[in-house]
Amino acid sequence: MESLTVAPAIRQKSMKYPIVIRYEMPKDCSPIRMITQRMMMYPIDLPIPQPIRPIRGFAIAVVVLLGVGTLIDLFSLIVAFNRASLISALIDSPESVDMDAVNTNDNLSILLGWAQTFMYVLTGIAFVIWLYRARSNAESLTLIPHRRNAAWAVFGWVVPIVSLWFPKQIVDDIWATSKPSGPDISEFRRLSLNSAPRSGLVMAWWASWLISTWVSNFFYRVSARSDDLDSYLMAANIEIYFALPTLTCAVLAAMVVLKITGFQDRRPATFAPAV
């Protein structure tokens, strides 16, 4: 058996990077025939890789914003405890409640609500930018195709129904293809990201995200059907109960961002520009 290397002539005309194909060729078979048979069995239809762009700046921005949002959430949690106490007192003994304290708590709740919304939107924008760039880099780190189009890294968060699992699949694929011990180019034709190992960190982050957003919103809607003290107390308790998954989600999101960024910092691109 002899080893034959074909490069870089056998490649798509649109490709700017060399592809090296290695296989064992029997001595009694002509090189041209062997190459033709090989190309017919495994046609070259590979994505054109893009240059790897640094994402650490966006990662740091996301982590800082998550940290600021977490501090606001903690302050809001303290206010929620105080609000629950005041409402309980209003239900049991209205005459014993200081109404100035109630008004102060209401004003703080409104102010913190606006602050939380602002930080939520700002952090979401920064996270999506980081995610899109990380996805672009991941496509240059391996030839194995991702399960979702890159556009879903943005729209997957807002399209109903699919937002329950598309973003996680995108992060799973970025994790699998960015990890230093991830799939090798030689396994391109037989590997699929459907069967790639899943990260426990990503699963924990996504579970906490679903609980802190979808589940909490469901209970908030239930409590908002009435306009009485009992409903206000239920809303305050819901905020207290779901504070833990919300804070957990922020911490795990920061860990996922830093992990994937670290993976990509340590990995060279699969392709090198043609000379």
Protein backbone atom coordinates (compact mmCIF):
# COMPACT_ATOMS: atom_id res chain seq x y z
CA MET A 1 0.00 0.00 0.00
CA GLU A 2 1.18 3.48 -0.83
CA SER A 3 0.06 6.76 0.62
CA LEU A 4 -1.18 9.37 -1.83
CA THR A 5 -1.70 13.04 -1.03
CA VAL A 6 -3.94 15.18 -3.21
CA ALA A 7 -3.78 18.94 -2.59
CA PRO A 8 -4.89 21.55 -3.28
CA ALA A 9 -6.09 21.12 -6.86
CA ILE A 10 -9.01 18.90 -5.92
CA ARG A 11 -11.32 21.38 -4.28
CA GLN A 12 -14.25 23.60 -5.05
CA LYS A 13 -13.36 26.65 -7.10
CA SER A 14 -14.99 28.88 -4.51
CA MET A 15 -12.77 27.57 -1.72
CA LYS A 16 -9.90 29.82 -0.71
CA TYR A 17 -8.26 27.25 1.54
CA PRO A 18 -6.42 24.07 0.66
CA ILE A 19 -7.95 20.68 1.40
CA VAL A 20 -5.66 17.73 1.86
CA ILE A 21 -7.08 14.26 1.27
CA ARG A 22 -5.07 11.23 2.41
CA TYR A 23 -5.94 7.63 1.80
CA GLU A 24 -4.25 4.34 1.16
CA MET A 25 -3.94 3.32 -2.54
CA PRO A 26 -3.35 -0.26 -3.69
CA LYS A 27 -0.24 -0.66 -5.85
CA ASP A 28 -2.22 -2.25 -8.66
CA CYS A 29 -4.64 0.68 -8.99
CA SER A 30 -3.89 3.84 -10.98
CA PRO A 31 -3.93 7.12 -9.05
CA ILE A 32 -6.45 8.77 -11.38
CA ARG A 33 -8.93 5.91 -11.06
CA MET A 34 -8.54 5.80 -7.29
CA ILE A 35 -9.06 9.56 -6.97
CA THR A 36 -12.14 9.47 -9.19
CA GLN A 37 -13.72 6.66 -7.21
CA ARG A 38 -12.94 8.40 -3.94
CA MET A 39 -14.50 11.69 -5.06
CA MET A 40 -17.62 9.93 -6.33
CA MET A 41 -18.07 8.19 -2.97
CA TYR A 42 -17.35 11.31 -0.91
CA PRO A 43 -18.17 14.45 -2.91
CA ILE A 44 -16.53 17.58 -1.56
CA ASP A 45 -19.28 19.93 -0.42
CA LEU A 46 -17.79 21.83 2.49
CA PRO A 47 -18.65 25.25 3.92
CA ILE A 48 -16.25 28.08 3.23
CA PRO A 49 -14.69 28.98 6.59
CA GLN A 50 -14.56 32.56 7.80
CA PRO A 51 -11.62 34.14 9.64
CA ILE A 52 -11.70 33.63 13.40
CA ARG A 53 -12.59 36.85 15.17
CA PRO A 54 -11.74 37.55 18.82
CA ILE A 55 -14.74 37.33 21.14
CA ARG A 56 -13.15 37.85 24.54
CA GLY A 57 -14.12 41.53 24.61
CA PHE A 58 -17.78 40.65 24.09
CA ALA A 59 -17.49 37.84 26.64
CA ILE A 60 -16.17 40.23 29.29
CA ALA A 61 -18.95 42.70 28.47
CA VAL A 62 -21.58 39.96 28.88
CA VAL A 63 -20.13 38.81 32.19
CA VAL A 64 -19.97 42.38 33.55
CA LEU A 65 -23.56 43.07 32.50
CA LEU A 66 -24.68 39.80 34.09
CA GLY A 67 -22.92 40.85 37.28
CA VAL A 68 -24.61 44.26 37.35
CA GLY A 69 -27.98 42.64 36.63
CA THR A 70 -27.41 40.18 39.46
CA LEU A 71 -26.75 43.01 41.94
CA ILE A 72 -29.98 44.71 40.86
CA ASP A 73 -31.84 41.41 41.25
CA LEU A 74 -30.46 40.97 44.76
CA PHE A 75 -31.57 44.47 45.75
CA SER A 76 -34.97 43.75 44.19
CA LEU A 77 -35.17 40.54 46.24
CA ILE A 78 -34.68 42.52 49.46
CA VAL A 79 -37.45 44.91 48.40
CA ALA A 80 -39.70 41.94 47.56
CA PHE A 81 -39.22 40.49 51.06
CA ASN A 82 -40.16 43.85 52.55
CA ARG A 83 -43.16 44.17 50.23
CA ALA A 84 -44.44 40.70 51.17
CA SER A 85 -44.13 41.62 54.85
CA LEU A 86 -46.00 44.90 54.37
CA ILE A 87 -48.81 43.28 52.37
CA SER A 88 -49.20 40.52 54.96
CA ALA A 89 -49.49 43.20 57.63
CA LEU A 90 -52.08 45.07 55.55
CA ILE A 91 -54.14 41.90 55.28
CA ASP A 92 -53.92 41.02 58.99
CA SER A 93 -53.88 44.43 60.65
CA PRO A 94 -54.18 47.45 58.33
CA GLU A 95 -54.05 49.99 61.19
CA SER A 96 -50.55 48.89 62.22
CA VAL A 97 -48.95 49.55 58.83
CA ASP A 98 -46.99 52.70 58.07
CA MET A 99 -48.35 53.89 54.69
CA ASP A 100 -45.23 55.93 54.02
CA ALA A 101 -43.26 52.68 54.12
CA VAL A 102 -45.75 51.14 51.68
CA ASN A 103 -45.39 54.07 49.25
CA THR A 104 -41.59 53.95 49.51
CA ASN A 105 -41.64 50.22 48.77
CA ASP A 106 -43.91 50.76 45.76
CA ASN A 107 -41.62 53.46 44.35
CA LEU A 108 -38.55 51.25 44.84
CA SER A 109 -40.31 48.32 43.15
CA ILE A 110 -41.17 50.44 40.10
CA LEU A 111 -37.64 51.88 39.87
CA LEU A 112 -36.01 48.46 40.19
CA GLY A 113 -38.45 47.00 37.67
CA TRP A 114 -37.32 49.53 35.06
CA ALA A 115 -33.66 48.92 35.96
CA GLN A 116 -34.13 45.14 35.60
CA THR A 117 -35.83 45.55 32.21
CA PHE A 118 -33.06 47.84 30.94
CA MET A 119 -30.31 45.46 32.07
CA TYR A 120 -32.21 42.47 30.67
CA VAL A 121 -32.38 44.05 27.20
CA LEU A 122 -28.79 45.33 27.28
CA THR A 123 -27.41 41.99 28.47
CA GLY A 124 -29.49 40.13 25.90
CA ILE A 125 -28.11 42.22 23.04
CA ALA A 126 -24.52 41.72 24.19
CA PHE A 127 -25.07 37.97 24.66
CA VAL A 128 -26.58 37.52 21.19
CA ILE A 129 -23.67 39.41 19.58
CA TRP A 130 -21.20 37.22 21.45
CA LEU A 131 -23.18 34.08 20.53
CA TYR A 132 -23.29 34.95 16.82
CA ARG A 133 -19.56 35.56 16.70
CA ALA A 134 -18.82 32.41 18.67
CA ARG A 135 -20.98 30.46 16.21
CA SER A 136 -19.10 31.98 13.26
CA ASN A 137 -15.77 31.02 14.83
CA ALA A 138 -17.00 27.50 15.59
CA GLU A 139 -17.74 26.95 11.90
CA SER A 140 -14.11 27.73 11.13
CA LEU A 141 -12.85 25.38 13.84
CA THR A 142 -14.42 22.26 12.35
CA LEU A 143 -16.09 21.13 9.15
CA ILE A 144 -18.95 19.33 10.87
CA PRO A 145 -22.13 21.29 10.01
CA HIS A 146 -24.19 22.81 12.79
CA ARG A 147 -27.80 21.73 13.20
CA ARG A 148 -29.29 25.22 12.87
CA ASN A 149 -28.65 28.10 10.51
CA ALA A 150 -26.59 30.93 11.99
CA ALA A 151 -29.59 33.27 11.82
CA TRP A 152 -31.26 31.23 14.56
CA ALA A 153 -28.58 32.47 16.97
CA VAL A 154 -30.53 35.74 16.86
CA PHE A 155 -34.12 34.82 15.95
CA GLY A 156 -34.20 31.58 17.95
CA TRP A 157 -34.75 33.60 21.13
CA VAL A 158 -37.89 35.41 19.94
CA VAL A 159 -39.71 32.97 17.64
CA PRO A 160 -42.47 31.23 19.64
CA ILE A 161 -42.25 27.50 20.40
CA VAL A 162 -38.77 26.93 18.88
CA SER A 163 -37.32 29.35 21.44
CA LEU A 164 -37.76 26.52 23.94
CA TRP A 165 -34.90 24.49 22.44
CA PHE A 166 -33.24 26.15 19.40
CA PRO A 167 -30.92 28.41 21.45
CA LYS A 168 -29.73 25.46 23.52
CA GLN A 169 -28.98 23.44 20.38
CA ILE A 170 -26.95 26.36 19.03
CA VAL A 171 -24.94 26.64 22.24
CA ASP A 172 -24.52 22.84 22.37
CA ASP A 173 -23.10 22.81 18.83
CA ILE A 174 -20.76 25.74 19.54
CA TRP A 175 -19.54 23.97 22.68
CA ALA A 176 -18.95 20.65 20.86
CA THR A 177 -17.09 22.20 17.91
CA SER A 178 -15.07 24.70 19.98
CA LYS A 179 -13.86 22.31 22.65
CA PRO A 180 -10.15 21.48 22.18
CA SER A 181 -10.94 17.76 22.33
CA GLY A 182 -13.86 18.21 19.93
CA PRO A 183 -14.49 16.49 16.58
CA ASP A 184 -11.59 16.22 14.16
CA ILE A 185 -11.74 17.14 10.48
CA SER A 186 -10.96 13.52 9.54
CA GLU A 187 -14.29 12.49 11.09
CA PHE A 188 -16.34 15.02 9.11
CA ARG A 189 -18.19 12.54 6.93
CA ARG A 190 -19.30 10.16 9.66
CA LEU A 191 -19.98 12.50 12.57
CA SER A 192 -23.14 14.46 13.32
CA LEU A 193 -23.67 16.96 16.09
CA ASN A 194 -26.95 15.19 16.88
CA SER A 195 -24.87 12.52 18.62
CA ALA A 196 -22.21 14.81 20.11
CA PRO A 197 -21.76 14.66 23.91
CA ARG A 198 -23.74 17.31 25.77
CA SER A 199 -22.30 19.60 28.41
CA GLY A 200 -23.80 19.36 31.88
CA LEU A 201 -23.04 23.05 32.40
CA VAL A 202 -25.06 24.03 29.32
CA MET A 203 -27.96 21.79 30.37
CA ALA A 204 -28.02 23.31 33.87
CA TRP A 205 -27.91 26.83 32.44
CA TRP A 206 -30.76 26.14 30.03
CA ALA A 207 -32.91 24.49 32.72
CA SER A 208 -32.46 27.50 35.01
CA TRP A 209 -33.24 29.82 32.08
CA LEU A 210 -36.53 28.06 31.31
CA ILE A 211 -37.55 28.09 34.97
CA SER A 212 -36.62 31.74 35.56
CA THR A 213 -38.38 32.99 32.41
CA TRP A 214 -41.19 30.76 31.16
CA VAL A 215 -42.28 29.15 34.43
CA SER A 216 -42.08 32.38 36.44
CA ASN A 217 -43.98 34.32 33.74
CA PHE A 218 -46.76 31.73 33.88
CA PHE A 219 -47.21 32.21 37.62
CA TYR A 220 -46.98 35.99 37.30
CA ARG A 221 -49.83 35.92 34.77
CA VAL A 222 -51.92 33.80 37.12
CA SER A 223 -51.36 36.21 40.02
CA ALA A 224 -52.16 39.25 37.85
CA ARG A 225 -55.73 38.12 37.13
CA SER A 226 -56.99 39.82 40.29
CA ASP A 227 -56.37 43.28 41.74
CA ASP A 228 -56.41 42.67 45.47
CA LEU A 229 -53.97 42.31 48.35
CA ASP A 230 -53.87 38.52 48.09
CA SER A 231 -52.80 38.75 44.44
CA TYR A 232 -50.13 41.32 45.31
CA LEU A 233 -48.84 39.04 48.04
CA MET A 234 -48.73 36.11 45.62
CA ALA A 235 -46.77 38.22 43.11
CA ALA A 236 -44.25 39.20 45.79
CA ASN A 237 -43.83 35.58 46.87
CA ILE A 238 -43.38 34.46 43.25
CA GLU A 239 -40.56 36.98 42.86
CA ILE A 240 -38.95 35.60 46.02
CA TYR A 241 -39.38 31.95 45.02
CA PHE A 242 -37.93 32.44 41.52
CA ALA A 243 -35.02 34.60 42.63
CA LEU A 244 -32.81 31.54 43.12
CA PRO A 245 -33.18 30.12 39.57
CA THR A 246 -32.79 33.65 38.17
CA LEU A 247 -29.53 34.25 40.03
CA THR A 248 -28.36 30.72 39.22
CA CYS A 249 -29.07 31.30 35.52
CA ALA A 250 -26.92 34.46 35.51
CA VAL A 251 -23.97 32.67 37.14
CA LEU A 252 -24.21 29.65 34.83
CA ALA A 253 -24.58 31.89 31.75
CA ALA A 254 -21.36 33.69 32.69
CA MET A 255 -19.61 30.32 33.10
CA VAL A 256 -20.82 29.10 29.69
CA VAL A 257 -19.64 32.31 28.01
CA LEU A 258 -16.20 32.15 29.61
CA LYS A 259 -15.82 28.41 28.91
CA ILE A 260 -16.62 28.66 25.20
CA THR A 261 -14.47 31.78 24.85
CA GLY A 262 -11.59 29.93 26.50
CA PHE A 263 -12.08 26.96 24.16
CA GLN A 264 -11.84 29.16 21.08
CA ASP A 265 -8.84 31.07 22.42
CA ARG A 266 -6.93 27.79 22.76
CA ARG A 267 -7.88 26.26 19.40
CA PRO A 268 -6.35 27.05 16.01
CA ALA A 269 -8.57 27.19 12.94
CA THR A 270 -9.04 24.00 10.93
CA PHE A 271 -8.09 25.85 7.75
CA ALA A 272 -5.03 27.87 6.85
CA PRO A 273 -5.16 30.42 4.02
CA ALA A 274 -3.75 29.19 0.71
CA VAL A 275 -0.36 30.58 -0.18
